[in-house]
Amino acid sequence: MKKLDLSRQDKETVEEALAFWKASGQLDESTVEELRSTIDERSFEWRVLARYAFWVALASLIFSVVSLFSDNTLEKFVQQFYDAPNIVYCIFFAGLAAVFYYLGFRNKKLYPEKTFSNETLMLAGAFSTAACIGFLGQILDRDNHFFTILFFISILIYGVLSIKLQSKLIWVFTLIALGIWFATETAYHSEWGWKFWGMNYPLRFTIFGIILTACAVFVQPKFSPLKSFKSTSVIIGLLYTMIALWILSIFGNYSDFEAWSRIRQIEIFYWGLIAIALSLGLAIYGLKRKDNVIRDIGFVFFLINLYTRFVEYLWDNINRTIFFLILAVSFWLVGRWSEKVWKKQSSSD
């Protein structure tokens, strides 16, 4: 009889469920034993190994390129390329990207089951595309508007690829490219200054993240090719928002370090309150909706913001022993509260 191969964790979860149904009388003992005999523990997580192996392979490829330029034995060989014009590198990486994309699409069609190898080829193509655009940006004048258009082109390339391959990983590249384009576009219109319409980068990206999250929730589901990327967009949008808001709570809407160093942190305390309130709201929303990702993002940034305020206002004002004692007690309280929530959820399930 064919058995269902499960990881150890999944097998334990299924066995706990069977034991619960047996104890509640929903299943008799013979049925439980029959169902238990159909599951087996997977001897080795080959899928996980494959994923990590391809990631390591890609990382090794990148490190090998970096090492090429630091290896003394190859220094003379590489030296002759230093004087090559940027257009040569641009064309080279464009060709390399085309090769990777061709192989990726070809393998996707011939071997659709080889998910990780296909995705690795597409990621290599994405990195090559980024390098090509980077060298093209070196060719163009930064003060020329075509410089920012390059990043917009990369958004289109990554977006089309992610939809064609239904790859959430490449969709992440699309949203990262969108953030880079937003930063360069606003910087260009502010003549490469730190402020755009009176907003520094953290404030800009806080608003950008909120808009991206709102579009992911309300606009993206209306387009069928983008529906499967909704959750990814929400996560990236929230990360943009929460990271930028956390930085904003530390530095405020200042673009000059000297001006910021002259103020007291209490003068920008309201940004910290907004960050704490928003992160706590996300944590509560995630708990109520049973959305673990949003709950975790909210909870993690709630702690980050809380302890950032703790360090800002107490580090220089109290004894170090008392400081760390308060820190230890607070973490213990957080752990105890988390344990209560976990037990409550376990009992209600």
Protein backbone atom coordinates (compact mmCIF):
# COMPACT_ATOMS: atom_id res chain seq x y z
CA MET A 1 0.00 0.00 0.00
CA LYS A 2 1.30 3.42 -0.96
CA LYS A 3 1.95 5.66 2.01
CA LEU A 4 1.93 9.41 2.41
CA ASP A 5 5.48 10.67 3.04
CA LEU A 6 5.50 13.51 5.57
CA SER A 7 8.23 15.41 7.36
CA ARG A 8 8.69 14.64 11.04
CA GLN A 9 6.92 17.85 12.06
CA ASP A 10 3.97 17.23 9.72
CA LYS A 11 3.72 13.60 10.84
CA GLU A 12 3.58 14.67 14.49
CA THR A 13 0.88 17.23 13.65
CA VAL A 14 -1.25 14.60 11.88
CA GLU A 15 -0.80 12.15 14.75
CA GLU A 16 -1.85 14.83 17.26
CA ALA A 17 -4.96 15.50 15.17
CA LEU A 18 -5.80 11.77 15.05
CA ALA A 19 -5.31 11.48 18.81
CA PHE A 20 -7.60 14.50 19.36
CA TRP A 21 -10.35 13.05 17.13
CA LYS A 22 -10.01 9.72 18.91
CA ALA A 23 -10.28 11.33 22.36
CA SER A 24 -13.32 13.38 21.31
CA GLY A 25 -15.05 10.30 19.95
CA GLN A 26 -15.13 11.44 16.35
CA LEU A 27 -13.01 8.49 15.25
CA ASP A 28 -12.84 4.99 16.71
CA GLU A 29 -9.57 3.28 17.56
CA SER A 30 -9.53 0.98 14.54
CA THR A 31 -10.05 3.89 12.13
CA VAL A 32 -7.28 5.87 13.81
CA GLU A 33 -4.87 2.95 13.54
CA GLU A 34 -5.83 2.43 9.91
CA LEU A 35 -5.21 6.08 9.08
CA ARG A 36 -1.97 6.14 11.07
CA SER A 37 -0.66 3.19 9.04
CA THR A 38 -1.05 5.20 5.82
CA ILE A 39 1.46 7.88 6.84
CA ASP A 40 5.21 7.54 6.99
CA GLU A 41 8.05 9.79 8.05
CA ARG A 42 10.11 11.12 5.19
CA SER A 43 13.65 9.86 5.55
CA PHE A 44 15.24 12.99 4.12
CA GLU A 45 14.01 16.42 3.03
CA TRP A 46 15.30 16.29 -0.52
CA ARG A 47 13.12 19.24 -1.55
CA VAL A 48 14.67 21.44 1.12
CA LEU A 49 18.15 20.24 0.17
CA ALA A 50 17.47 21.07 -3.47
CA ARG A 51 16.31 24.59 -2.61
CA TYR A 52 19.33 25.29 -0.41
CA ALA A 53 21.73 23.72 -2.91
CA PHE A 54 20.53 25.99 -5.71
CA TRP A 55 20.70 29.04 -3.44
CA VAL A 56 24.25 28.13 -2.43
CA ALA A 57 25.13 27.56 -6.09
CA LEU A 58 23.85 31.02 -7.02
CA ALA A 59 25.65 32.64 -4.08
CA SER A 60 28.85 30.79 -5.00
CA LEU A 61 28.55 32.08 -8.57
CA ILE A 62 28.33 35.64 -7.30
CA PHE A 63 31.29 35.13 -4.91
CA SER A 64 33.32 33.59 -7.72
CA VAL A 65 32.84 36.73 -9.81
CA VAL A 66 33.84 38.89 -6.84
CA SER A 67 36.85 36.67 -6.16
CA LEU A 68 37.89 37.00 -9.78
CA PHE A 69 38.68 40.65 -9.18
CA SER A 70 40.58 40.01 -5.94
CA ASP A 71 42.63 37.01 -7.03
CA ASN A 72 46.27 38.02 -7.67
CA THR A 73 46.80 35.23 -10.19
CA LEU A 74 44.06 36.62 -12.37
CA GLU A 75 44.87 40.26 -11.73
CA LYS A 76 46.77 40.74 -14.99
CA PHE A 77 44.04 39.00 -16.95
CA VAL A 78 41.35 41.19 -15.44
CA GLN A 79 43.50 44.34 -15.70
CA GLN A 80 43.14 44.44 -19.45
CA PHE A 81 39.38 44.75 -19.12
CA TYR A 82 39.51 47.71 -16.73
CA ASP A 83 39.83 50.18 -19.58
CA ALA A 84 37.00 48.65 -21.54
CA PRO A 85 34.11 51.09 -22.04
CA ASN A 86 30.92 50.59 -20.03
CA ILE A 87 29.02 49.83 -23.21
CA VAL A 88 31.00 46.57 -23.54
CA TYR A 89 29.95 45.43 -20.07
CA CYS A 90 26.39 46.55 -20.74
CA ILE A 91 26.19 44.43 -23.92
CA PHE A 92 27.91 41.49 -22.22
CA PHE A 93 25.43 41.37 -19.31
CA ALA A 94 22.51 41.92 -21.68
CA GLY A 95 23.62 38.87 -23.67
CA LEU A 96 24.19 36.89 -20.48
CA ALA A 97 20.70 37.80 -19.25
CA ALA A 98 19.20 36.72 -22.58
CA VAL A 99 20.97 33.34 -22.30
CA PHE A 100 19.74 32.77 -18.76
CA TYR A 101 16.18 33.78 -19.67
CA TYR A 102 16.20 31.51 -22.73
CA LEU A 103 17.42 28.55 -20.68
CA GLY A 104 14.94 29.34 -17.94
CA PHE A 105 11.94 29.49 -20.27
CA ARG A 106 13.14 26.42 -22.16
CA ASN A 107 13.60 24.37 -19.00
CA LYS A 108 10.29 25.62 -17.64
CA LYS A 109 8.57 24.22 -20.71
CA LEU A 110 10.52 20.95 -20.94
CA TYR A 111 10.99 20.25 -17.22
CA PRO A 112 8.23 22.08 -15.28
CA GLU A 113 8.81 19.87 -12.25
CA LYS A 114 12.36 21.21 -11.78
CA THR A 115 11.17 24.25 -9.90
CA PHE A 116 14.38 25.24 -8.15
CA SER A 117 16.74 24.86 -11.12
CA ASN A 118 14.37 26.85 -13.33
CA GLU A 119 14.01 29.57 -10.73
CA THR A 120 17.78 29.73 -10.26
CA LEU A 121 18.27 30.34 -13.99
CA MET A 122 15.69 33.12 -13.92
CA LEU A 123 17.31 34.68 -10.85
CA ALA A 124 20.68 34.62 -12.61
CA GLY A 125 18.98 36.38 -15.51
CA ALA A 126 17.51 38.94 -13.09
CA PHE A 127 20.96 39.67 -11.62
CA SER A 128 22.43 39.99 -15.11
CA THR A 129 19.63 42.37 -16.07
CA ALA A 130 20.37 44.50 -13.01
CA ALA A 131 24.09 44.58 -13.94
CA CYS A 132 23.24 45.53 -17.54
CA ILE A 133 21.00 48.38 -16.38
CA GLY A 134 23.65 49.48 -13.89
CA PHE A 135 26.32 49.81 -16.59
CA LEU A 136 23.83 51.51 -18.89
CA GLY A 137 23.22 53.99 -16.10
CA GLN A 138 26.98 54.65 -16.00
CA ILE A 139 26.86 55.51 -19.68
CA LEU A 140 24.00 57.96 -19.32
CA ASP A 141 24.31 61.21 -17.42
CA ARG A 142 22.70 61.03 -13.99
CA ASP A 143 21.09 64.43 -14.55
CA ASN A 144 19.34 63.04 -17.61
CA HIS A 145 15.79 61.77 -17.02
CA PHE A 146 16.61 58.61 -18.99
CA PHE A 147 18.62 57.52 -15.94
CA THR A 148 15.44 56.99 -13.90
CA ILE A 149 13.62 55.49 -16.89
CA LEU A 150 16.17 52.64 -16.82
CA PHE A 151 14.89 51.52 -13.43
CA PHE A 152 11.33 51.73 -14.72
CA ILE A 153 12.33 49.42 -17.59
CA SER A 154 13.70 46.91 -15.06
CA ILE A 155 10.29 46.94 -13.33
CA LEU A 156 8.62 46.00 -16.61
CA ILE A 157 11.15 43.22 -17.30
CA TYR A 158 10.85 41.68 -13.85
CA GLY A 159 7.06 42.09 -13.85
CA VAL A 160 6.62 40.28 -17.17
CA LEU A 161 8.97 37.49 -16.09
CA SER A 162 7.24 36.98 -12.74
CA ILE A 163 3.82 36.77 -14.43
CA LYS A 164 5.06 34.45 -17.18
CA LEU A 165 6.73 32.10 -14.69
CA GLN A 166 4.32 32.77 -11.82
CA SER A 167 7.43 33.34 -9.71
CA LYS A 168 6.89 35.11 -6.40
CA LEU A 169 10.65 35.43 -5.96
CA ILE A 170 11.02 37.46 -9.16
CA TRP A 171 7.95 39.46 -8.13
CA VAL A 172 9.96 40.48 -5.07
CA PHE A 173 12.64 41.78 -7.46
CA THR A 174 9.88 43.72 -9.26
CA LEU A 175 8.82 45.46 -6.05
CA ILE A 176 12.43 46.15 -5.06
CA ALA A 177 13.03 47.69 -8.51
CA LEU A 178 9.85 49.72 -8.00
CA GLY A 179 11.27 51.09 -4.75
CA ILE A 180 14.60 51.95 -6.41
CA TRP A 181 12.78 53.72 -9.26
CA PHE A 182 10.68 55.67 -6.75
CA ALA A 183 13.82 56.77 -4.88
CA THR A 184 15.69 57.84 -8.02
CA GLU A 185 12.66 59.53 -9.61
CA THR A 186 11.94 61.65 -6.54
CA ALA A 187 15.65 62.37 -6.11
CA TYR A 188 15.90 63.51 -9.75
CA HIS A 189 12.97 65.93 -9.37
CA SER A 190 14.53 67.32 -6.18
CA GLU A 191 17.86 67.83 -8.02
CA TRP A 192 19.37 64.91 -6.08
CA GLY A 193 18.68 66.53 -2.74
CA TRP A 194 17.56 64.70 0.39
CA LYS A 195 14.07 66.20 0.43
CA PHE A 196 11.22 65.94 -2.08
CA TRP A 197 8.09 68.01 -1.44
CA GLY A 198 9.43 68.58 2.08
CA MET A 199 9.84 64.85 2.78
CA ASN A 200 13.09 63.00 3.42
CA TYR A 201 13.62 59.40 2.29
CA PRO A 202 12.16 57.64 5.38
CA LEU A 203 8.94 59.69 5.21
CA ARG A 204 8.69 59.16 1.45
CA PHE A 205 9.08 55.40 1.79
CA THR A 206 6.59 55.27 4.66
CA ILE A 207 3.97 56.76 2.33
CA PHE A 208 5.22 54.61 -0.56
CA GLY A 209 4.83 51.44 1.53
CA ILE A 210 1.30 52.40 2.60
CA ILE A 211 0.28 53.05 -1.01
CA LEU A 212 1.88 49.78 -2.16
CA THR A 213 0.06 47.82 0.56
CA ALA A 214 -3.27 49.50 -0.26
CA CYS A 215 -2.82 48.70 -3.97
CA ALA A 216 -1.99 45.09 -3.12
CA VAL A 217 -5.19 44.72 -1.09
CA PHE A 218 -7.69 46.69 -3.17
CA VAL A 219 -6.30 46.98 -6.73
CA GLN A 220 -4.15 43.93 -7.42
CA PRO A 221 -6.93 41.30 -6.97
CA LYS A 222 -8.87 42.96 -9.81
CA PHE A 223 -6.19 41.82 -12.28
CA SER A 224 -6.19 38.02 -12.65
CA PRO A 225 -2.46 37.69 -13.59
CA LEU A 226 -1.54 39.50 -10.35
CA LYS A 227 -3.91 37.75 -7.92
CA SER A 228 -1.39 35.12 -6.87
CA PHE A 229 1.11 37.85 -5.91
CA LYS A 230 -1.23 39.66 -3.53
CA SER A 231 0.21 38.22 -0.31
CA THR A 232 3.80 38.86 -1.49
CA SER A 233 2.95 42.49 -2.32
CA VAL A 234 1.29 42.98 1.07
CA ILE A 235 4.37 41.65 2.88
CA ILE A 236 6.80 43.81 0.87
CA GLY A 237 4.54 46.85 1.25
CA LEU A 238 4.35 46.39 5.02
CA LEU A 239 8.12 45.90 5.26
CA TYR A 240 8.70 49.10 3.28
CA THR A 241 6.30 50.93 5.60
CA MET A 242 7.50 49.57 8.92
CA ILE A 243 11.25 49.81 8.22
CA ALA A 244 10.92 53.37 6.89
CA LEU A 245 8.65 54.38 9.79
CA TRP A 246 11.10 52.93 12.31
CA ILE A 247 13.96 54.95 10.76
CA LEU A 248 11.66 57.99 10.71
CA SER A 249 10.97 57.53 14.43
CA ILE A 250 14.71 57.80 15.10
CA PHE A 251 15.75 60.61 12.73
CA GLY A 252 12.48 62.41 12.10
CA ASN A 253 11.86 64.32 8.88
CA TYR A 254 15.38 65.74 8.85
CA SER A 255 17.78 65.66 5.91
CA ASP A 256 20.74 67.26 7.65
CA PHE A 257 22.69 65.30 10.27
CA GLU A 258 23.82 68.44 12.10
CA ALA A 259 20.23 69.71 12.38
CA TRP A 260 19.10 66.32 13.70
CA SER A 261 21.96 66.11 16.23
CA ARG A 262 20.88 69.43 17.77
CA ILE A 263 17.34 68.28 18.62
CA ARG A 264 16.15 66.18 21.54
CA GLN A 265 14.51 62.86 20.76
CA ILE A 266 11.40 63.93 22.64
CA GLU A 267 10.79 66.48 19.85
CA ILE A 268 10.13 63.66 17.35
CA PHE A 269 8.43 61.36 19.85
CA TYR A 270 5.19 61.44 17.85
CA TRP A 271 6.80 59.40 15.04
CA GLY A 272 7.64 56.72 17.61
CA LEU A 273 4.05 56.71 18.87
CA ILE A 274 2.75 56.30 15.31
CA ALA A 275 5.20 53.43 14.68
CA ILE A 276 4.21 51.66 17.91
CA ALA A 277 0.48 52.16 17.28
CA LEU A 278 0.67 50.90 13.68
CA SER A 279 2.78 47.84 14.55
CA LEU A 280 0.48 46.98 17.47
CA GLY A 281 -2.53 47.40 15.18
CA LEU A 282 -0.99 44.97 12.66
CA ALA A 283 -0.28 42.43 15.41
CA ILE A 284 -3.87 42.59 16.69
CA TYR A 285 -5.28 42.44 13.15
CA GLY A 286 -3.13 39.39 12.39
CA LEU A 287 -4.28 37.65 15.58
CA LYS A 288 -7.96 38.28 14.85
CA ARG A 289 -7.70 37.30 11.17
CA LYS A 290 -5.34 34.40 11.96
CA ASP A 291 -2.87 35.85 9.47
CA ASN A 292 0.44 34.67 10.87
CA VAL A 293 2.63 36.77 8.57
CA ILE A 294 0.94 40.11 9.33
CA ARG A 295 0.81 39.18 13.02
CA ASP A 296 4.54 38.43 13.07
CA ILE A 297 5.47 41.61 11.18
CA GLY A 298 3.37 43.68 13.56
CA PHE A 299 4.68 41.95 16.67
CA VAL A 300 8.36 42.10 15.62
CA PHE A 301 8.19 45.82 14.75
CA PHE A 302 6.19 46.52 17.90
CA LEU A 303 9.08 45.09 19.93
CA ILE A 304 11.70 46.86 17.78
CA ASN A 305 9.97 50.22 18.18
CA LEU A 306 9.29 49.68 21.87
CA TYR A 307 12.89 48.81 22.67
CA THR A 308 14.21 51.57 20.42
CA ARG A 309 12.25 54.07 22.53
CA PHE A 310 13.48 52.28 25.65
CA VAL A 311 17.12 52.71 24.61
CA GLU A 312 16.60 56.30 23.40
CA TYR A 313 15.11 57.60 26.63
CA LEU A 314 16.67 55.41 29.32
CA TRP A 315 20.19 54.47 28.17
CA ASP A 316 21.78 57.75 29.32
CA ASN A 317 19.42 58.36 32.23
CA ILE A 318 19.56 55.25 34.43
CA ASN A 319 22.15 52.85 35.83
CA ARG A 320 23.23 50.11 33.37
CA THR A 321 22.38 47.34 35.86
CA ILE A 322 18.84 48.65 36.26
CA PHE A 323 18.60 49.17 32.50
CA PHE A 324 19.37 45.52 31.69
CA LEU A 325 17.24 44.30 34.61
CA ILE A 326 14.24 46.18 33.22
CA LEU A 327 15.09 44.78 29.77
CA ALA A 328 15.20 41.20 31.13
CA VAL A 329 11.90 41.59 33.01
CA SER A 330 10.19 43.12 29.98
CA PHE A 331 11.31 40.25 27.72
CA TRP A 332 10.11 37.76 30.33
CA LEU A 333 6.70 39.46 30.38
CA VAL A 334 6.56 39.38 26.59
CA GLY A 335 7.44 35.69 26.61
CA ARG A 336 4.82 34.93 29.23
CA TRP A 337 2.18 36.87 27.32
CA SER A 338 3.12 35.03 24.10
CA GLU A 339 2.86 31.69 25.93
CA LYS A 340 -0.64 32.57 27.17
CA VAL A 341 -1.74 33.54 23.65
CA TRP A 342 -0.31 30.30 22.27
CA LYS A 343 -2.07 28.19 24.91
CA LYS A 344 -5.33 30.05 24.35
CA GLN A 345 -5.14 29.41 20.60
CA SER A 346 -4.26 25.76 21.19
CA SER A 347 -7.24 25.23 23.48
CA SER A 348 -9.67 26.96 21.13
CA ASP A 349 -8.55 25.03 18.03
